Structure formats: structure tokens, C-alpha cells
Amino acid sequence: MFQRPLIFGIVNITPDSFSDGGRYFAADAAIAHAKRLAAEGADVIDLGPASSNPDAIPVPAEEEIRRLAPVIEALGAEGYSLSVDSFRAETHAFALAHGVHYLNDIRGFAEANFYPVLAKSEAKLVLMHSIQRHGNADRRDTPEGDIIEQICSFFEERIAALEAAGIARARLILDPGMGFFLGPRPETSFEVLARIDEIEARFALPVFISVSRKSFLRAVTGRAPGEAGAATLAAELLAARAGACFIRTHEPAPLIDALAVAACFETPGSGP
């Protein structure tokens, strides 16, 4: 049965995001954009204080926290559901102390010495796989072999470590990675999208997908990031129909409309 995924609206508080670099770098612009995304239907606002694309400059935790602080304070005071997208433990600690509901980590929570802090919190953890394992995406080739088996092997190891530290399995959400996090070939990302159900079946945990404006979509359409809306929507709808429980997007409104139409195909007589 088709179910509407929970939608994460992307707010990049960065000067160098590949898709909207600098537009929401100022705190007031980020806050206004977050509220706009929520009004358009985003269930959660995903705050990114540092870019993770291959050309991004690394940002220390102190700068991430500086960027996040006024935005989290303003949105948290108004009761918005918040996620923080970072792989730095210091940033995670700051976010947890300020009541965020999700931590979204492209390294899949690699720092075991931080697990006791995670275990004492209640935030959901978006556990992402990447072929890089450490830091930002780069342009390395995908390792040989079945990509789903590689993804699942990573999840098995990391889930076991988190559970052993007292972190409840029910708090975990699995992100297989997309785009350069899987390698430079678009075919790899499309294969993983087509096989989401295998990951869900293996772990009985929800899958989180982030394809919005990514390079593999632009590679097959020839579009610039700002022109990739149609390709993004197509991939997001396919992900939802394949079983993704969470979708992270720059544009919630068209996705919500598309999901409403898709639901009509699954439930005869549900249309207007």
C-alpha cells in the first residue's frame, strides 16, 4: 500500500551549496526560507551548516554551530520539527542540547566515543552510507561488486555498534546515499533507487532518500541545479513508490501534489 513519506525540507546555511549557495547563508534568510518550506508542506526542516559536495570547503564545528545557533533558536521557539545535517560530534551535541528531533549524518555516526551521548537522547538518527566513509563526497569510483550488498554490509556493522551502545533500533533511519556518495556513474544511483525494498526488507527499518537536484539526475538530463526540478520530482516519486519513508527535498510543494496524485492510483475512488 502506497503511503505518503515524511518530507524533509532542505535549508542550506552555507555560501557554497551546489544548488543554492549563499541564498540562505544569512540567518534571517534561512529562517524565512524554513518557514516557507513548512508552509509548503515540509514536515521537518533539515538545517545544513556545511556543504558536502565534492568541491565544498570543510567547515569546523565551531563555524557550523555559529551558523546554526540563531536559526535553531528562532525555529525551535516556534515549535518547528528540526533536523541537523552534520557529521561532527560537537555539532550533534549542540543540536541535541537545543532539542532537535533528528540528526542526519553523512558518515553514519562514525564516532563511537559519542555514542553514550546519543544513547541518552531521544532524537531519531538518519544513518547514511557513503563509499567515502569519511567526510564530504568526492569523485572516486564505486567499488566493484553488488552495491546493495555493500550498503547493507555497512548498515549491519553500524547498526550493531549503535545497538550495543544502548541506542534503540527504533530510532534508526537508513539512507543508502545518492549521487557522488555512491560514485560518479548515474546508473549506480538509479539501481539503488530501484532496490530500496531490498534494504527495507533486510533491516525492517525505514529508508530515507535524498535525490533533490543531485548530479546523477543532471547528468542524464543536461540540466543545471536550478533547472532540475522536473528530474528531481520524477526520482522522488519513484522513490516514494518504491517504499521510501522519508524524502529530503528542496521543493516540498510539487512533491506533495505528485504524491497526492500517486495515491489516487493506489486507492480507487479516492480522487475528487
C-alpha atoms as a PDB file:
ATOM      1  CA  MET A   1       0.000   0.000   0.000  1.00  0.00           C
ATOM      2  CA  PHE A   2       1.359   3.421  -1.003  1.00  0.00           C
ATOM      3  CA  GLN A   3       1.961   5.739   1.950  1.00  0.00           C
ATOM      4  CA  ARG A   4       2.993   9.375   1.892  1.00  0.00           C
ATOM      5  CA  PRO A   5       6.598   9.714   3.064  1.00  0.00           C
ATOM      6  CA  LEU A   6       7.640  12.244   5.673  1.00  0.00           C
ATOM      7  CA  ILE A   7       9.147  15.232   3.866  1.00  0.00           C
ATOM      8  CA  PHE A   8      12.346  16.965   4.972  1.00  0.00           C
ATOM      9  CA  GLY A   9      12.706  20.488   3.567  1.00  0.00           C
ATOM     10  CA  ILE A  10      16.320  21.481   2.863  1.00  0.00           C
ATOM     11  CA  VAL A  11      17.766  24.721   4.246  1.00  0.00           C
ATOM     12  CA  ASN A  12      21.438  25.171   3.354  1.00  0.00           C
ATOM     13  CA  ILE A  13      23.011  27.702   5.719  1.00  0.00           C
ATOM     14  CA  THR A  14      26.116  27.786   3.558  1.00  0.00           C
ATOM     15  CA  PRO A  15      27.847  30.002   0.993  1.00  0.00           C
ATOM     16  CA  ASP A  16      28.850  27.086  -1.270  1.00  0.00           C
ATOM     17  CA  SER A  17      25.963  24.662  -1.693  1.00  0.00           C
ATOM     18  CA  PHE A  18      25.883  23.266  -5.234  1.00  0.00           C
ATOM     19  CA  SER A  19      22.186  24.063  -5.613  1.00  0.00           C
ATOM     20  CA  ASP A  20      21.549  27.391  -3.863  1.00  0.00           C
ATOM     21  CA  GLY A  21      24.885  28.531  -2.491  1.00  0.00           C
ATOM     22  CA  GLY A  22      24.619  31.701  -0.421  1.00  0.00           C
ATOM     23  CA  ARG A  23      20.884  32.318  -0.803  1.00  0.00           C
ATOM     24  CA  TYR A  24      20.132  31.296   2.795  1.00  0.00           C
ATOM     25  CA  PHE A  25      23.517  31.877   4.398  1.00  0.00           C
ATOM     26  CA  ALA A  26      22.259  34.810   6.461  1.00  0.00           C
ATOM     27  CA  ALA A  27      20.261  33.685   9.494  1.00  0.00           C
ATOM     28  CA  ASP A  28      17.186  35.776   8.658  1.00  0.00           C
ATOM     29  CA  ALA A  29      17.092  34.376   5.121  1.00  0.00           C
ATOM     30  CA  ALA A  30      17.451  30.806   6.426  1.00  0.00           C
ATOM     31  CA  ILE A  31      14.661  31.311   8.962  1.00  0.00           C
ATOM     32  CA  ALA A  32      12.319  32.812   6.370  1.00  0.00           C
ATOM     33  CA  HIS A  33      13.058  30.007   3.916  1.00  0.00           C
ATOM     34  CA  ALA A  34      12.470  27.343   6.559  1.00  0.00           C
ATOM     35  CA  LYS A  35       9.067  28.820   7.360  1.00  0.00           C
ATOM     36  CA  ARG A  36       8.242  28.939   3.653  1.00  0.00           C
ATOM     37  CA  LEU A  37       9.129  25.254   3.236  1.00  0.00           C
ATOM     38  CA  ALA A  38       6.979  24.335   6.233  1.00  0.00           C
ATOM     39  CA  ALA A  39       4.076  26.328   4.788  1.00  0.00           C
ATOM     40  CA  GLU A  40       4.505  24.386   1.545  1.00  0.00           C
ATOM     41  CA  GLY A  41       4.164  21.101   3.401  1.00  0.00           C
ATOM     42  CA  ALA A  42       7.583  20.092   4.735  1.00  0.00           C
ATOM     43  CA  ASP A  43       7.136  18.015   7.889  1.00  0.00           C
ATOM     44  CA  VAL A  44      10.714  18.561   9.097  1.00  0.00           C
ATOM     45  CA  ILE A  45      13.217  21.317   8.376  1.00  0.00           C
ATOM     46  CA  ASP A  46      16.681  19.905   7.655  1.00  0.00           C
ATOM     47  CA  LEU A  47      19.333  22.506   8.528  1.00  0.00           C
ATOM     48  CA  GLY A  48      22.694  22.092   6.811  1.00  0.00           C
ATOM     49  CA  PRO A  49      25.513  24.225   8.247  1.00  0.00           C
ATOM     50  CA  ALA A  50      28.157  22.898   5.818  1.00  0.00           C
ATOM     51  CA  SER A  51      28.129  21.694   2.227  1.00  0.00           C
ATOM     52  CA  SER A  52      29.125  18.110   1.479  1.00  0.00           C
ATOM     53  CA  ASN A  53      29.571  18.226  -2.299  1.00  0.00           C
ATOM     54  CA  PRO A  54      32.985  17.313  -3.766  1.00  0.00           C
ATOM     55  CA  ASP A  55      34.028  20.947  -4.239  1.00  0.00           C
ATOM     56  CA  ALA A  56      32.981  22.221  -0.804  1.00  0.00           C
ATOM     57  CA  ILE A  57      35.490  23.625   1.664  1.00  0.00           C
ATOM     58  CA  PRO A  58      35.490  21.793   5.051  1.00  0.00           C
ATOM     59  CA  VAL A  59      33.915  23.748   7.902  1.00  0.00           C
ATOM     60  CA  PRO A  60      34.920  23.277  11.581  1.00  0.00           C
ATOM     61  CA  ALA A  61      32.294  22.519  14.198  1.00  0.00           C
ATOM     62  CA  GLU A  62      32.608  25.984  15.724  1.00  0.00           C
ATOM     63  CA  GLU A  63      31.543  27.579  12.442  1.00  0.00           C
ATOM     64  CA  GLU A  64      28.721  25.084  11.954  1.00  0.00           C
ATOM     65  CA  ILE A  65      27.380  25.944  15.386  1.00  0.00           C
ATOM     66  CA  ARG A  66      27.709  29.671  14.721  1.00  0.00           C
ATOM     67  CA  ARG A  67      25.611  29.283  11.573  1.00  0.00           C
ATOM     68  CA  LEU A  68      23.023  27.076  13.246  1.00  0.00           C
ATOM     69  CA  ALA A  69      22.526  28.864  16.564  1.00  0.00           C
ATOM     70  CA  PRO A  70      20.209  31.759  15.599  1.00  0.00           C
ATOM     71  CA  VAL A  71      18.239  29.589  13.174  1.00  0.00           C
ATOM     72  CA  ILE A  72      17.606  26.767  15.641  1.00  0.00           C
ATOM     73  CA  GLU A  73      16.734  29.253  18.373  1.00  0.00           C
ATOM     74  CA  ALA A  74      14.161  31.057  16.236  1.00  0.00           C
ATOM     75  CA  LEU A  75      12.566  27.973  14.672  1.00  0.00           C
ATOM     76  CA  GLY A  76      12.675  25.926  17.853  1.00  0.00           C
ATOM     77  CA  ALA A  77      10.888  28.677  19.769  1.00  0.00           C
ATOM     78  CA  GLU A  78       8.027  28.426  17.281  1.00  0.00           C
ATOM     79  CA  GLY A  79       7.771  24.665  17.527  1.00  0.00           C
ATOM     80  CA  TYR A  80       9.101  23.583  14.140  1.00  0.00           C
ATOM     81  CA  SER A  81      10.332  20.000  13.809  1.00  0.00           C
ATOM     82  CA  LEU A  82      14.067  20.258  13.107  1.00  0.00           C
ATOM     83  CA  SER A  83      16.866  18.107  11.756  1.00  0.00           C
ATOM     84  CA  VAL A  84      20.565  18.980  11.667  1.00  0.00           C
ATOM     85  CA  ASP A  85      22.701  17.668   8.814  1.00  0.00           C
ATOM     86  CA  SER A  86      26.278  17.289  10.097  1.00  0.00           C
ATOM     87  CA  PHE A  87      28.857  14.597  10.772  1.00  0.00           C
ATOM     88  CA  ARG A  88      30.634  16.486  13.579  1.00  0.00           C
ATOM     89  CA  ALA A  89      30.045  15.291  17.161  1.00  0.00           C
ATOM     90  CA  GLU A  90      30.330  18.805  18.596  1.00  0.00           C
ATOM     91  CA  THR A  91      27.582  19.989  16.246  1.00  0.00           C
ATOM     92  CA  HIS A  92      25.468  16.970  17.166  1.00  0.00           C
ATOM     93  CA  ALA A  93      25.888  17.787  20.862  1.00  0.00           C
ATOM     94  CA  PHE A  94      24.822  21.393  20.262  1.00  0.00           C
ATOM     95  CA  ALA A  95      21.806  20.269  18.257  1.00  0.00           C
ATOM     96  CA  LEU A  96      20.706  17.752  20.884  1.00  0.00           C
ATOM     97  CA  ALA A  97      21.071  20.330  23.635  1.00  0.00           C
ATOM     98  CA  HIS A  98      18.698  22.561  21.669  1.00  0.00           C
ATOM     99  CA  GLY A  99      16.033  19.919  21.219  1.00  0.00           C
ATOM    100  CA  VAL A 100      16.331  18.948  17.554  1.00  0.00           C
ATOM    101  CA  HIS A 101      14.260  15.941  16.572  1.00  0.00           C
ATOM    102  CA  TYR A 102      16.644  14.353  14.020  1.00  0.00           C
ATOM    103  CA  LEU A 103      20.381  14.120  13.414  1.00  0.00           C
ATOM    104  CA  ASN A 104      21.296  13.483   9.773  1.00  0.00           C
ATOM    105  CA  ASP A 105      24.890  12.210   9.413  1.00  0.00           C
ATOM    106  CA  ILE A 106      26.549  11.523   6.051  1.00  0.00           C
ATOM    107  CA  ARG A 107      29.207   9.457   7.862  1.00  0.00           C
ATOM    108  CA  GLY A 108      26.614   7.296   9.575  1.00  0.00           C
ATOM    109  CA  PHE A 109      27.663   8.239  13.129  1.00  0.00           C
ATOM    110  CA  ALA A 110      31.250   7.077  12.839  1.00  0.00           C
ATOM    111  CA  GLU A 111      32.452   8.444  16.199  1.00  0.00           C
ATOM    112  CA  ALA A 112      31.833   5.658  18.704  1.00  0.00           C
ATOM    113  CA  ASN A 113      33.013   7.792  21.630  1.00  0.00           C
ATOM    114  CA  PHE A 114      29.909   9.940  21.095  1.00  0.00           C
ATOM    115  CA  TYR A 115      27.502   7.009  21.317  1.00  0.00           C
ATOM    116  CA  PRO A 116      26.857   7.425  25.076  1.00  0.00           C
ATOM    117  CA  VAL A 117      25.540  10.940  24.372  1.00  0.00           C
ATOM    118  CA  LEU A 118      23.370   9.647  21.546  1.00  0.00           C
ATOM    119  CA  ALA A 119      22.052   6.889  23.796  1.00  0.00           C
ATOM    120  CA  LYS A 120      20.842   9.440  26.353  1.00  0.00           C
ATOM    121  CA  SER A 121      18.963  11.443  23.737  1.00  0.00           C
ATOM    122  CA  GLU A 122      15.639  10.790  22.021  1.00  0.00           C
ATOM    123  CA  ALA A 123      16.420  12.178  18.570  1.00  0.00           C
ATOM    124  CA  LYS A 124      15.956   9.961  15.525  1.00  0.00           C
ATOM    125  CA  LEU A 125      19.210   9.178  13.717  1.00  0.00           C
ATOM    126  CA  VAL A 126      19.490   9.244   9.915  1.00  0.00           C
ATOM    127  CA  LEU A 127      22.310   6.791   9.305  1.00  0.00           C
ATOM    128  CA  MET A 128      23.796   7.414   5.862  1.00  0.00           C
ATOM    129  CA  HIS A 129      26.019   5.109   3.825  1.00  0.00           C
ATOM    130  CA  SER A 130      28.689   6.505   1.528  1.00  0.00           C
ATOM    131  CA  ILE A 131      31.525   4.896  -0.374  1.00  0.00           C
ATOM    132  CA  GLN A 132      33.812   7.597   1.076  1.00  0.00           C
ATOM    133  CA  ARG A 133      33.050   6.648   4.706  1.00  0.00           C
ATOM    134  CA  HIS A 134      34.745   9.850   5.940  1.00  0.00           C
ATOM    135  CA  GLY A 135      33.916  13.489   5.243  1.00  0.00           C
ATOM    136  CA  ASN A 136      32.492  15.006   2.093  1.00  0.00           C
ATOM    137  CA  ALA A 137      31.677  13.307  -1.173  1.00  0.00           C
ATOM    138  CA  ASP A 138      34.426  13.052  -3.774  1.00  0.00           C
ATOM    139  CA  ARG A 139      34.665  11.658  -7.295  1.00  0.00           C
ATOM    140  CA  ARG A 140      36.099   8.211  -6.566  1.00  0.00           C
ATOM    141  CA  ASP A 141      34.746   5.233  -8.475  1.00  0.00           C
ATOM    142  CA  THR A 142      32.185   2.888  -6.970  1.00  0.00           C
ATOM    143  CA  PRO A 143      33.854  -0.252  -5.600  1.00  0.00           C
ATOM    144  CA  GLU A 144      33.369  -3.433  -7.629  1.00  0.00           C
ATOM    145  CA  GLY A 145      30.554  -5.775  -6.636  1.00  0.00           C
ATOM    146  CA  ASP A 146      26.879  -5.579  -5.746  1.00  0.00           C
ATOM    147  CA  ILE A 147      26.244  -2.069  -4.448  1.00  0.00           C
ATOM    148  CA  ILE A 148      23.242  -3.139  -2.350  1.00  0.00           C
ATOM    149  CA  GLU A 149      25.331  -5.797  -0.623  1.00  0.00           C
ATOM    150  CA  GLN A 150      27.979  -3.160   0.150  1.00  0.00           C
ATOM    151  CA  ILE A 151      25.368  -0.783   1.530  1.00  0.00           C
ATOM    152  CA  CYS A 152      23.771  -3.491   3.662  1.00  0.00           C
ATOM    153  CA  SER A 153      27.129  -4.664   4.971  1.00  0.00           C
ATOM    154  CA  PHE A 154      27.840  -1.117   6.152  1.00  0.00           C
ATOM    155  CA  PHE A 155      24.435  -0.861   7.814  1.00  0.00           C
ATOM    156  CA  GLU A 156      24.810  -4.219   9.543  1.00  0.00           C
ATOM    157  CA  GLU A 157      28.108  -3.191  11.103  1.00  0.00           C
ATOM    158  CA  ARG A 158      26.981   0.277  12.131  1.00  0.00           C
ATOM    159  CA  ILE A 159      23.574  -0.751  13.463  1.00  0.00           C
ATOM    160  CA  ALA A 160      25.203  -3.438  15.595  1.00  0.00           C
ATOM    161  CA  ALA A 161      27.610  -0.884  17.076  1.00  0.00           C
ATOM    162  CA  LEU A 162      24.847   1.613  17.823  1.00  0.00           C
ATOM    163  CA  GLU A 163      22.605  -1.005  19.426  1.00  0.00           C
ATOM    164  CA  ALA A 164      25.498  -2.313  21.511  1.00  0.00           C
ATOM    165  CA  ALA A 165      25.903   1.230  22.876  1.00  0.00           C
ATOM    166  CA  GLY A 166      22.292   1.278  24.044  1.00  0.00           C
ATOM    167  CA  ILE A 167      20.757   3.179  21.136  1.00  0.00           C
ATOM    168  CA  ALA A 168      17.307   1.793  20.375  1.00  0.00           C
ATOM    169  CA  ARG A 169      16.945   0.278  16.922  1.00  0.00           C
ATOM    170  CA  ALA A 170      13.573   2.017  16.546  1.00  0.00           C
ATOM    171  CA  ARG A 171      15.388   5.373  16.459  1.00  0.00           C
ATOM    172  CA  LEU A 172      17.353   4.479  13.312  1.00  0.00           C
ATOM    173  CA  ILE A 173      16.578   5.559   9.732  1.00  0.00           C
ATOM    174  CA  LEU A 174      18.668   4.247   6.824  1.00  0.00           C
ATOM    175  CA  ASP A 175      19.954   6.436   3.986  1.00  0.00           C
ATOM    176  CA  PRO A 176      21.799   4.466   1.259  1.00  0.00           C
ATOM    177  CA  GLY A 177      23.366   7.636  -0.156  1.00  0.00           C
ATOM    178  CA  MET A 178      22.878   9.081  -3.633  1.00  0.00           C
ATOM    179  CA  GLY A 179      24.925  10.804  -6.331  1.00  0.00           C
ATOM    180  CA  PHE A 180      28.642  11.081  -5.624  1.00  0.00           C
ATOM    181  CA  PHE A 181      28.133   9.293  -2.302  1.00  0.00           C
ATOM    182  CA  LEU A 182      27.633   6.180  -4.439  1.00  0.00           C
ATOM    183  CA  GLY A 183      30.106   7.097  -7.194  1.00  0.00           C
ATOM    184  CA  PRO A 184      30.189   9.177 -10.376  1.00  0.00           C
ATOM    185  CA  ARG A 185      28.049   6.887 -12.578  1.00  0.00           C
ATOM    186  CA  PRO A 186      24.321   7.802 -12.641  1.00  0.00           C
ATOM    187  CA  GLU A 187      23.428   4.128 -13.150  1.00  0.00           C
ATOM    188  CA  THR A 188      24.537   3.312  -9.601  1.00  0.00           C
ATOM    189  CA  SER A 189      22.096   5.758  -8.016  1.00  0.00           C
ATOM    190  CA  PHE A 190      19.264   4.556 -10.231  1.00  0.00           C
ATOM    191  CA  GLU A 191      19.988   0.953  -9.305  1.00  0.00           C
ATOM    192  CA  VAL A 192      19.842   1.754  -5.604  1.00  0.00           C
ATOM    193  CA  LEU A 193      16.572   3.655  -6.059  1.00  0.00           C
ATOM    194  CA  ALA A 194      15.101   0.622  -7.800  1.00  0.00           C
ATOM    195  CA  ARG A 195      16.168  -1.675  -4.952  1.00  0.00           C
ATOM    196  CA  ILE A 196      15.031   0.304  -1.895  1.00  0.00           C
ATOM    197  CA  ASP A 197      12.693  -2.539  -0.978  1.00  0.00           C
ATOM    198  CA  GLU A 198      15.646  -4.909  -0.510  1.00  0.00           C
ATOM    199  CA  ILE A 199      17.164  -2.623   2.125  1.00  0.00           C
ATOM    200  CA  GLU A 200      13.861  -2.236   3.961  1.00  0.00           C
ATOM    201  CA  ALA A 201      13.213  -5.974   3.893  1.00  0.00           C
ATOM    202  CA  ARG A 202      16.669  -6.793   5.216  1.00  0.00           C
ATOM    203  CA  PHE A 203      16.569  -4.457   8.217  1.00  0.00           C
ATOM    204  CA  ALA A 204      12.876  -3.718   8.820  1.00  0.00           C
ATOM    205  CA  LEU A 205      13.843  -0.061   9.199  1.00  0.00           C
ATOM    206  CA  PRO A 206      12.603   2.989   7.261  1.00  0.00           C
ATOM    207  CA  VAL A 207      14.620   4.248   4.292  1.00  0.00           C
ATOM    208  CA  PHE A 208      15.486   7.925   3.766  1.00  0.00           C
ATOM    209  CA  ILE A 209      16.158   9.201   0.227  1.00  0.00           C
ATOM    210  CA  SER A 210      17.796  12.483  -0.822  1.00  0.00           C
ATOM    211  CA  VAL A 211      17.938  12.938  -4.603  1.00  0.00           C
ATOM    212  CA  SER A 212      16.970  16.599  -4.897  1.00  0.00           C
ATOM    213  CA  ARG A 213      18.889  18.347  -7.714  1.00  0.00           C
ATOM    214  CA  LYS A 214      21.727  15.821  -7.457  1.00  0.00           C
ATOM    215  CA  SER A 215      24.413  15.308 -10.071  1.00  0.00           C
ATOM    216  CA  PHE A 216      23.183  11.939 -11.343  1.00  0.00           C
ATOM    217  CA  LEU A 217      19.844  13.495 -12.353  1.00  0.00           C
ATOM    218  CA  ARG A 218      21.549  16.435 -14.016  1.00  0.00           C
ATOM    219  CA  ALA A 219      23.877  14.069 -15.857  1.00  0.00           C
ATOM    220  CA  VAL A 220      21.012  12.325 -17.636  1.00  0.00           C
ATOM    221  CA  THR A 221      19.017  15.499 -18.352  1.00  0.00           C
ATOM    222  CA  GLY A 222      21.762  18.034 -19.024  1.00  0.00           C
ATOM    223  CA  ARG A 223      20.138  20.472 -16.620  1.00  0.00           C
ATOM    224  CA  ALA A 224      21.773  22.905 -14.199  1.00  0.00           C
ATOM    225  CA  PRO A 225      20.937  22.532 -10.476  1.00  0.00           C
ATOM    226  CA  GLY A 226      18.301  25.242 -10.616  1.00  0.00           C
ATOM    227  CA  GLU A 227      16.689  23.592 -13.646  1.00  0.00           C
ATOM    228  CA  ALA A 228      16.495  20.078 -12.196  1.00  0.00           C
ATOM    229  CA  GLY A 229      13.055  20.359 -10.638  1.00  0.00           C
ATOM    230  CA  ALA A 230      11.268  18.009 -13.042  1.00  0.00           C
ATOM    231  CA  ALA A 231      14.008  15.366 -12.871  1.00  0.00           C
ATOM    232  CA  THR A 232      14.044  15.644  -9.078  1.00  0.00           C
ATOM    233  CA  LEU A 233      10.284  15.230  -8.844  1.00  0.00           C
ATOM    234  CA  ALA A 234      10.337  12.147 -11.081  1.00  0.00           C
ATOM    235  CA  ALA A 235      13.052  10.491  -8.981  1.00  0.00           C
ATOM    236  CA  GLU A 236      11.350  11.409  -5.700  1.00  0.00           C
ATOM    237  CA  LEU A 237       8.047   9.967  -6.840  1.00  0.00           C
ATOM    238  CA  LEU A 238       9.763   6.749  -7.931  1.00  0.00           C
ATOM    239  CA  ALA A 239      11.485   6.578  -4.529  1.00  0.00           C
ATOM    240  CA  ALA A 240       8.179   7.015  -2.721  1.00  0.00           C
ATOM    241  CA  ARG A 241       6.507   4.312  -4.788  1.00  0.00           C
ATOM    242  CA  ALA A 242       9.483   2.034  -4.144  1.00  0.00           C
ATOM    243  CA  GLY A 243       8.928   2.365  -0.402  1.00  0.00           C
ATOM    244  CA  ALA A 244      10.977   5.331   0.858  1.00  0.00           C
ATOM    245  CA  CYS A 245       9.524   6.522   4.172  1.00  0.00           C
ATOM    246  CA  PHE A 246      11.429   9.836   4.195  1.00  0.00           C
ATOM    247  CA  ILE A 247      12.299  12.145   1.293  1.00  0.00           C
ATOM    248  CA  ARG A 248      14.613  15.128   1.644  1.00  0.00           C
ATOM    249  CA  THR A 249      13.878  17.845  -0.913  1.00  0.00           C
ATOM    250  CA  HIS A 250      14.412  21.464  -1.876  1.00  0.00           C
ATOM    251  CA  GLU A 251      10.806  21.798  -3.116  1.00  0.00           C
ATOM    252  CA  PRO A 252       8.084  20.209  -0.971  1.00  0.00           C
ATOM    253  CA  ALA A 253       5.043  21.665  -2.761  1.00  0.00           C
ATOM    254  CA  PRO A 254       5.333  19.867  -6.129  1.00  0.00           C
ATOM    255  CA  LEU A 255       6.278  16.646  -4.375  1.00  0.00           C
ATOM    256  CA  ILE A 256       3.172  16.786  -2.188  1.00  0.00           C
ATOM    257  CA  ASP A 257       0.997  17.344  -5.271  1.00  0.00           C
ATOM    258  CA  ALA A 258       2.634  14.424  -7.080  1.00  0.00           C
ATOM    259  CA  LEU A 259       2.188  12.161  -4.060  1.00  0.00           C
ATOM    260  CA  ALA A 260      -1.494  13.073  -3.862  1.00  0.00           C
ATOM    261  CA  VAL A 261      -1.962  12.051  -7.492  1.00  0.00           C
ATOM    262  CA  ALA A 262       0.041   8.842  -6.985  1.00  0.00           C
ATOM    263  CA  ALA A 263      -2.124   7.931  -4.001  1.00  0.00           C
ATOM    264  CA  CYS A 264      -5.209   8.043  -6.212  1.00  0.00           C
ATOM    265  CA  PHE A 265      -3.799   5.208  -8.316  1.00  0.00           C
ATOM    266  CA  GLU A 266      -3.313   3.107  -5.196  1.00  0.00           C
ATOM    267  CA  THR A 267      -6.768   3.805  -3.722  1.00  0.00           C
ATOM    268  CA  PRO A 268      -9.529   3.569  -6.348  1.00  0.00           C
ATOM    269  CA  GLY A 269     -12.206   6.182  -5.898  1.00  0.00           C
ATOM    270  CA  SER A 270     -10.031   8.476  -3.774  1.00  0.00           C
ATOM    271  CA  GLY A 271      -9.812  11.221  -6.390  1.00  0.00           C
ATOM    272  CA  PRO A 272     -12.004  14.332  -6.435  1.00  0.00           C
END
